[in-house]
Amino acid sequence: MNIHVDTIEQYKILQHIKKHFFIDRITISLVSPTSLSITDCMGECLIFEYHNGAILTQDVKNRGF
């Protein structure tokens, strides 16, 4: 899987995701210049944000959109 990122922050998050997840089993999306999201096969979504040198996560509940 080849993901294009636009910023250094997104690149650092992508490296973290590749290290901790099976990227062939998730969908990775650009959210903002400092964040990416992943979605698994069950529709569960997690947002990763790079802030002050740390990677933060936020669970996104599926609201049926």
PDB file of N, CA and C in Angstrom:
ATOM      1  N   MET A   1       0.850  -1.176   0.000  1.00  0.00           N
ATOM      2  CA  MET A   1       0.000   0.000   0.000  1.00  0.00           C
ATOM      3  C   MET A   1       0.891   1.233   0.000  1.00  0.00           C
ATOM      4  N   ASN A   2       0.648   2.123  -0.932  1.00  0.00           N
ATOM      5  CA  ASN A   2       1.420   3.345  -1.038  1.00  0.00           C
ATOM      6  C   ASN A   2       0.511   4.528  -0.736  1.00  0.00           C
ATOM      7  N   ILE A   3       0.782   5.210   0.362  1.00  0.00           N
ATOM      8  CA  ILE A   3      -0.022   6.346   0.794  1.00  0.00           C
ATOM      9  C   ILE A   3       0.781   7.622   0.562  1.00  0.00           C
ATOM     10  N   HIS A   4       0.143   8.613  -0.068  1.00  0.00           N
ATOM     11  CA  HIS A   4       0.787   9.912  -0.262  1.00  0.00           C
ATOM     12  C   HIS A   4       0.392  10.829   0.881  1.00  0.00           C
ATOM     13  N   VAL A   5       1.385  11.429   1.516  1.00  0.00           N
ATOM     14  CA  VAL A   5       1.135  12.421   2.559  1.00  0.00           C
ATOM     15  C   VAL A   5       1.698  13.759   2.097  1.00  0.00           C
ATOM     16  N   ASP A   6       1.177  14.841   2.660  1.00  0.00           N
ATOM     17  CA  ASP A   6       1.552  16.180   2.233  1.00  0.00           C
ATOM     18  C   ASP A   6       2.496  16.898   3.186  1.00  0.00           C
ATOM     19  N   THR A   7       2.546  16.457   4.439  1.00  0.00           N
ATOM     20  CA  THR A   7       3.329  17.181   5.445  1.00  0.00           C
ATOM     21  C   THR A   7       4.228  16.230   6.230  1.00  0.00           C
ATOM     22  N   ILE A   8       5.204  16.799   6.908  1.00  0.00           N
ATOM     23  CA  ILE A   8       6.089  16.004   7.765  1.00  0.00           C
ATOM     24  C   ILE A   8       5.299  15.378   8.910  1.00  0.00           C
ATOM     25  N   GLU A   9       4.339  16.118   9.449  1.00  0.00           N
ATOM     26  CA  GLU A   9       3.511  15.583  10.539  1.00  0.00           C
ATOM     27  C   GLU A   9       2.748  14.344  10.081  1.00  0.00           C
ATOM     28  N   GLN A  10       2.154  14.402   8.908  1.00  0.00           N
ATOM     29  CA  GLN A  10       1.443  13.238   8.375  1.00  0.00           C
ATOM     30  C   GLN A  10       2.406  12.078   8.144  1.00  0.00           C
ATOM     31  N   TYR A  11       3.600  12.374   7.654  1.00  0.00           N
ATOM     32  CA  TYR A  11       4.603  11.332   7.433  1.00  0.00           C
ATOM     33  C   TYR A  11       4.952  10.630   8.742  1.00  0.00           C
ATOM     34  N   LYS A  12       5.163  11.397   9.807  1.00  0.00           N
ATOM     35  CA  LYS A  12       5.511  10.799  11.104  1.00  0.00           C
ATOM     36  C   LYS A  12       4.367   9.927  11.629  1.00  0.00           C
ATOM     37  N   ILE A  13       3.133  10.383  11.439  1.00  0.00           N
ATOM     38  CA  ILE A  13       1.982   9.569  11.850  1.00  0.00           C
ATOM     39  C   ILE A  13       1.924   8.291  11.024  1.00  0.00           C
ATOM     40  N   LEU A  14       2.145   8.403   9.715  1.00  0.00           N
ATOM     41  CA  LEU A  14       2.115   7.227   8.845  1.00  0.00           C
ATOM     42  C   LEU A  14       3.157   6.207   9.274  1.00  0.00           C
ATOM     43  N   GLN A  15       4.346   6.647   9.628  1.00  0.00           N
ATOM     44  CA  GLN A  15       5.367   5.718  10.102  1.00  0.00           C
ATOM     45  C   GLN A  15       4.912   5.012  11.378  1.00  0.00           C
ATOM     46  N   HIS A  16       4.269   5.743  12.265  1.00  0.00           N
ATOM     47  CA  HIS A  16       3.727   5.161  13.506  1.00  0.00           C
ATOM     48  C   HIS A  16       2.658   4.106  13.184  1.00  0.00           C
ATOM     49  N   ILE A  17       1.766   4.437  12.263  1.00  0.00           N
ATOM     50  CA  ILE A  17       0.706   3.499  11.876  1.00  0.00           C
ATOM     51  C   ILE A  17       1.304   2.240  11.265  1.00  0.00           C
ATOM     52  N   LYS A  18       2.280   2.393  10.379  1.00  0.00           N
ATOM     53  CA  LYS A  18       2.917   1.232   9.748  1.00  0.00           C
ATOM     54  C   LYS A  18       3.604   0.339  10.773  1.00  0.00           C
ATOM     55  N   LYS A  19       4.115   0.940  11.830  1.00  0.00           N
ATOM     56  CA  LYS A  19       4.811   0.179  12.872  1.00  0.00           C
ATOM     57  C   LYS A  19       3.848  -0.601  13.773  1.00  0.00           C
ATOM     58  N   HIS A  20       2.624  -0.071  13.964  1.00  0.00           N
ATOM     59  CA  HIS A  20       1.720  -0.646  14.960  1.00  0.00           C
ATOM     60  C   HIS A  20       0.462  -1.319  14.404  1.00  0.00           C
ATOM     61  N   PHE A  21       0.218  -1.205  13.096  1.00  0.00           N
ATOM     62  CA  PHE A  21      -0.996  -1.773  12.513  1.00  0.00           C
ATOM     63  C   PHE A  21      -0.662  -2.558  11.250  1.00  0.00           C
ATOM     64  N   PHE A  22      -1.541  -3.487  10.888  1.00  0.00           N
ATOM     65  CA  PHE A  22      -1.446  -4.180   9.604  1.00  0.00           C
ATOM     66  C   PHE A  22      -2.088  -3.271   8.572  1.00  0.00           C
ATOM     67  N   ILE A  23      -1.284  -2.548   7.801  1.00  0.00           N
ATOM     68  CA  ILE A  23      -1.843  -1.524   6.922  1.00  0.00           C
ATOM     69  C   ILE A  23      -2.639  -2.101   5.759  1.00  0.00           C
ATOM     70  N   ASP A  24      -2.474  -3.404   5.490  1.00  0.00           N
ATOM     71  CA  ASP A  24      -3.278  -4.004   4.432  1.00  0.00           C
ATOM     72  C   ASP A  24      -4.699  -4.313   4.897  1.00  0.00           C
ATOM     73  N   ARG A  25      -4.982  -4.090   6.181  1.00  0.00           N
ATOM     74  CA  ARG A  25      -6.312  -4.357   6.732  1.00  0.00           C
ATOM     75  C   ARG A  25      -7.051  -3.097   7.171  1.00  0.00           C
ATOM     76  N   ILE A  26      -6.484  -1.924   6.856  1.00  0.00           N
ATOM     77  CA  ILE A  26      -7.114  -0.662   7.220  1.00  0.00           C
ATOM     78  C   ILE A  26      -7.106   0.285   6.032  1.00  0.00           C
ATOM     79  N   THR A  27      -7.947   1.300   6.120  1.00  0.00           N
ATOM     80  CA  THR A  27      -7.950   2.381   5.143  1.00  0.00           C
ATOM     81  C   THR A  27      -7.408   3.617   5.840  1.00  0.00           C
ATOM     82  N   ILE A  28      -6.437   4.275   5.208  1.00  0.00           N
ATOM     83  CA  ILE A  28      -5.822   5.467   5.774  1.00  0.00           C
ATOM     84  C   ILE A  28      -6.281   6.670   4.964  1.00  0.00           C
ATOM     85  N   SER A  29      -6.715   7.717   5.670  1.00  0.00           N
ATOM     86  CA  SER A  29      -7.212   8.924   5.011  1.00  0.00           C
ATOM     87  C   SER A  29      -6.538  10.161   5.590  1.00  0.00           C
ATOM     88  N   LEU A  30      -6.323  11.157   4.733  1.00  0.00           N
ATOM     89  CA  LEU A  30      -5.816  12.443   5.187  1.00  0.00           C
ATOM     90  C   LEU A  30      -6.968  13.207   5.829  1.00  0.00           C
ATOM     91  N   VAL A  31      -6.720  13.812   6.986  1.00  0.00           N
ATOM     92  CA  VAL A  31      -7.751  14.567   7.686  1.00  0.00           C
ATOM     93  C   VAL A  31      -7.412  16.055   7.686  1.00  0.00           C
ATOM     94  N   SER A  32      -6.186  16.370   8.053  1.00  0.00           N
ATOM     95  CA  SER A  32      -5.720  17.751   8.103  1.00  0.00           C
ATOM     96  C   SER A  32      -4.205  17.729   7.917  1.00  0.00           C
ATOM     97  N   PRO A  33      -3.558  18.880   7.850  1.00  0.00           N
ATOM     98  CA  PRO A  33      -2.099  18.885   7.708  1.00  0.00           C
ATOM     99  C   PRO A  33      -1.353  18.196   8.852  1.00  0.00           C
ATOM    100  N   THR A  34      -2.012  18.040  10.002  1.00  0.00           N
ATOM    101  CA  THR A  34      -1.356  17.403  11.143  1.00  0.00           C
ATOM    102  C   THR A  34      -2.021  16.111  11.588  1.00  0.00           C
ATOM    103  N   SER A  35      -2.929  15.560  10.760  1.00  0.00           N
ATOM    104  CA  SER A  35      -3.607  14.349  11.210  1.00  0.00           C
ATOM    105  C   SER A  35      -4.004  13.420  10.063  1.00  0.00           C
ATOM    106  N   LEU A  36      -4.127  12.136  10.429  1.00  0.00           N
ATOM    107  CA  LEU A  36      -4.589  11.074   9.538  1.00  0.00           C
ATOM    108  C   LEU A  36      -5.635  10.272  10.294  1.00  0.00           C
ATOM    109  N   SER A  37      -6.472   9.561   9.554  1.00  0.00           N
ATOM    110  CA  SER A  37      -7.411   8.646  10.201  1.00  0.00           C
ATOM    111  C   SER A  37      -7.229   7.261   9.607  1.00  0.00           C
ATOM    112  N   ILE A  38      -7.567   6.264  10.408  1.00  0.00           N
ATOM    113  CA  ILE A  38      -7.606   4.888   9.915  1.00  0.00           C
ATOM    114  C   ILE A  38      -8.996   4.337  10.179  1.00  0.00           C
ATOM    115  N   THR A  39      -9.453   3.499   9.266  1.00  0.00           N
ATOM    116  CA  THR A  39     -10.743   2.836   9.408  1.00  0.00           C
ATOM    117  C   THR A  39     -10.530   1.349   9.158  1.00  0.00           C
ATOM    118  N   ASP A  40     -11.051   0.511  10.048  1.00  0.00           N
ATOM    119  CA  ASP A  40     -10.896  -0.930   9.870  1.00  0.00           C
ATOM    120  C   ASP A  40     -12.091  -1.512   9.120  1.00  0.00           C
ATOM    121  N   CYS A  41     -12.071  -2.812   8.922  1.00  0.00           N
ATOM    122  CA  CYS A  41     -13.117  -3.482   8.140  1.00  0.00           C
ATOM    123  C   CYS A  41     -14.481  -3.455   8.830  1.00  0.00           C
ATOM    124  N   MET A  42     -14.523  -3.146  10.111  1.00  0.00           N
ATOM    125  CA  MET A  42     -15.781  -3.060  10.852  1.00  0.00           C
ATOM    126  C   MET A  42     -16.321  -1.630  10.879  1.00  0.00           C
ATOM    127  N   GLY A  43     -15.593  -0.696  10.245  1.00  0.00           N
ATOM    128  CA  GLY A  43     -16.028   0.691  10.214  1.00  0.00           C
ATOM    129  C   GLY A  43     -15.580   1.523  11.399  1.00  0.00           C
ATOM    130  N   GLU A  44     -14.786   0.932  12.283  1.00  0.00           N
ATOM    131  CA  GLU A  44     -14.260   1.671  13.427  1.00  0.00           C
ATOM    132  C   GLU A  44     -13.186   2.635  12.930  1.00  0.00           C
ATOM    133  N   CYS A  45     -13.214   3.852  13.447  1.00  0.00           N
ATOM    134  CA  CYS A  45     -12.309   4.894  12.971  1.00  0.00           C
ATOM    135  C   CYS A  45     -11.502   5.468  14.136  1.00  0.00           C
ATOM    136  N   LEU A  46     -10.234   5.744  13.866  1.00  0.00           N
ATOM    137  CA  LEU A  46      -9.334   6.330  14.847  1.00  0.00           C
ATOM    138  C   LEU A  46      -8.575   7.449  14.150  1.00  0.00           C
ATOM    139  N   ILE A  47      -8.535   8.624  14.769  1.00  0.00           N
ATOM    140  CA  ILE A  47      -7.804   9.753  14.210  1.00  0.00           C
ATOM    141  C   ILE A  47      -6.501   9.918  14.980  1.00  0.00           C
ATOM    142  N   PHE A  48      -5.419  10.102  14.238  1.00  0.00           N
ATOM    143  CA  PHE A  48      -4.098  10.348  14.801  1.00  0.00           C
ATOM    144  C   PHE A  48      -3.719  11.787  14.497  1.00  0.00           C
ATOM    145  N   GLU A  49      -3.261  12.509  15.522  1.00  0.00           N
ATOM    146  CA  GLU A  49      -2.817  13.887  15.321  1.00  0.00           C
ATOM    147  C   GLU A  49      -1.417  14.059  15.882  1.00  0.00           C
ATOM    148  N   TYR A  50      -0.574  14.737  15.119  1.00  0.00           N
ATOM    149  CA  TYR A  50       0.783  15.037  15.561  1.00  0.00           C
ATOM    150  C   TYR A  50       0.766  16.425  16.183  1.00  0.00           C
ATOM    151  N   HIS A  51       1.093  16.501  17.483  1.00  0.00           N
ATOM    152  CA  HIS A  51       1.020  17.774  18.200  1.00  0.00           C
ATOM    153  C   HIS A  51       2.185  17.889  19.169  1.00  0.00           C
ATOM    154  N   ASN A  52       2.987  18.927  19.005  1.00  0.00           N
ATOM    155  CA  ASN A  52       4.142  19.175  19.887  1.00  0.00           C
ATOM    156  C   ASN A  52       5.052  17.954  20.038  1.00  0.00           C
ATOM    157  N   GLY A  53       5.305  17.256  18.937  1.00  0.00           N
ATOM    158  CA  GLY A  53       6.219  16.124  18.949  1.00  0.00           C
ATOM    159  C   GLY A  53       5.627  14.807  19.419  1.00  0.00           C
ATOM    160  N   ALA A  54       4.339  14.792  19.701  1.00  0.00           N
ATOM    161  CA  ALA A  54       3.684  13.569  20.172  1.00  0.00           C
ATOM    162  C   ALA A  54       2.544  13.205  19.234  1.00  0.00           C
ATOM    163  N   ILE A  55       2.250  11.919  19.166  1.00  0.00           N
ATOM    164  CA  ILE A  55       1.127  11.437  18.372  1.00  0.00           C
ATOM    165  C   ILE A  55      -0.030  11.144  19.316  1.00  0.00           C
ATOM    166  N   LEU A  56      -1.124  11.872  19.116  1.00  0.00           N
ATOM    167  CA  LEU A  56      -2.322  11.721  19.934  1.00  0.00           C
ATOM    168  C   LEU A  56      -3.374  10.973  19.131  1.00  0.00           C
ATOM    169  N   THR A  57      -4.255  10.257  19.814  1.00  0.00           N
ATOM    170  CA  THR A  57      -5.318   9.528  19.118  1.00  0.00           C
ATOM    171  C   THR A  57      -6.679   9.939  19.657  1.00  0.00           C
ATOM    172  N   GLN A  58      -7.661   9.842  18.776  1.00  0.00           N
ATOM    173  CA  GLN A  58      -9.044  10.122  19.155  1.00  0.00           C
ATOM    174  C   GLN A  58      -9.930   9.085  18.483  1.00  0.00           C
ATOM    175  N   ASP A  59     -10.719   8.390  19.272  1.00  0.00           N
ATOM    176  CA  ASP A  59     -11.671   7.401  18.769  1.00  0.00           C
ATOM    177  C   ASP A  59     -12.882   8.135  18.212  1.00  0.00           C
ATOM    178  N   VAL A  60     -13.303   7.763  17.019  1.00  0.00           N
ATOM    179  CA  VAL A  60     -14.461   8.386  16.393  1.00  0.00           C
ATOM    180  C   VAL A  60     -15.576   7.365  16.357  1.00  0.00           C
ATOM    181  N   LYS A  61     -16.668   7.673  17.008  1.00  0.00           N
ATOM    182  CA  LYS A  61     -17.814   6.771  17.037  1.00  0.00           C
ATOM    183  C   LYS A  61     -18.594   6.897  15.743  1.00  0.00           C
ATOM    184  N   ASN A  62     -18.973   5.766  15.186  1.00  0.00           N
ATOM    185  CA  ASN A  62     -19.762   5.761  13.958  1.00  0.00           C
ATOM    186  C   ASN A  62     -21.168   6.248  14.268  1.00  0.00           C
ATOM    187  N   ARG A  63     -21.566   7.347  13.621  1.00  0.00           N
ATOM    188  CA  ARG A  63     -22.870   7.924  13.878  1.00  0.00           C
ATOM    189  C   ARG A  63     -23.848   7.650  12.745  1.00  0.00           C
ATOM    190  N   GLY A  64     -23.521   6.705  11.862  1.00  0.00           N
ATOM    191  CA  GLY A  64     -24.436   6.315  10.803  1.00  0.00           C
ATOM    192  C   GLY A  64     -24.532   7.292   9.655  1.00  0.00           C
ATOM    193  N   PHE A  65     -23.489   8.035   9.395  1.00  0.00           N
ATOM    194  CA  PHE A  65     -23.488   8.997   8.289  1.00  0.00           C
ATOM    195  C   PHE A  65     -23.454   8.287   6.964  1.00  0.00           C
TER     196      PHE A  65
END
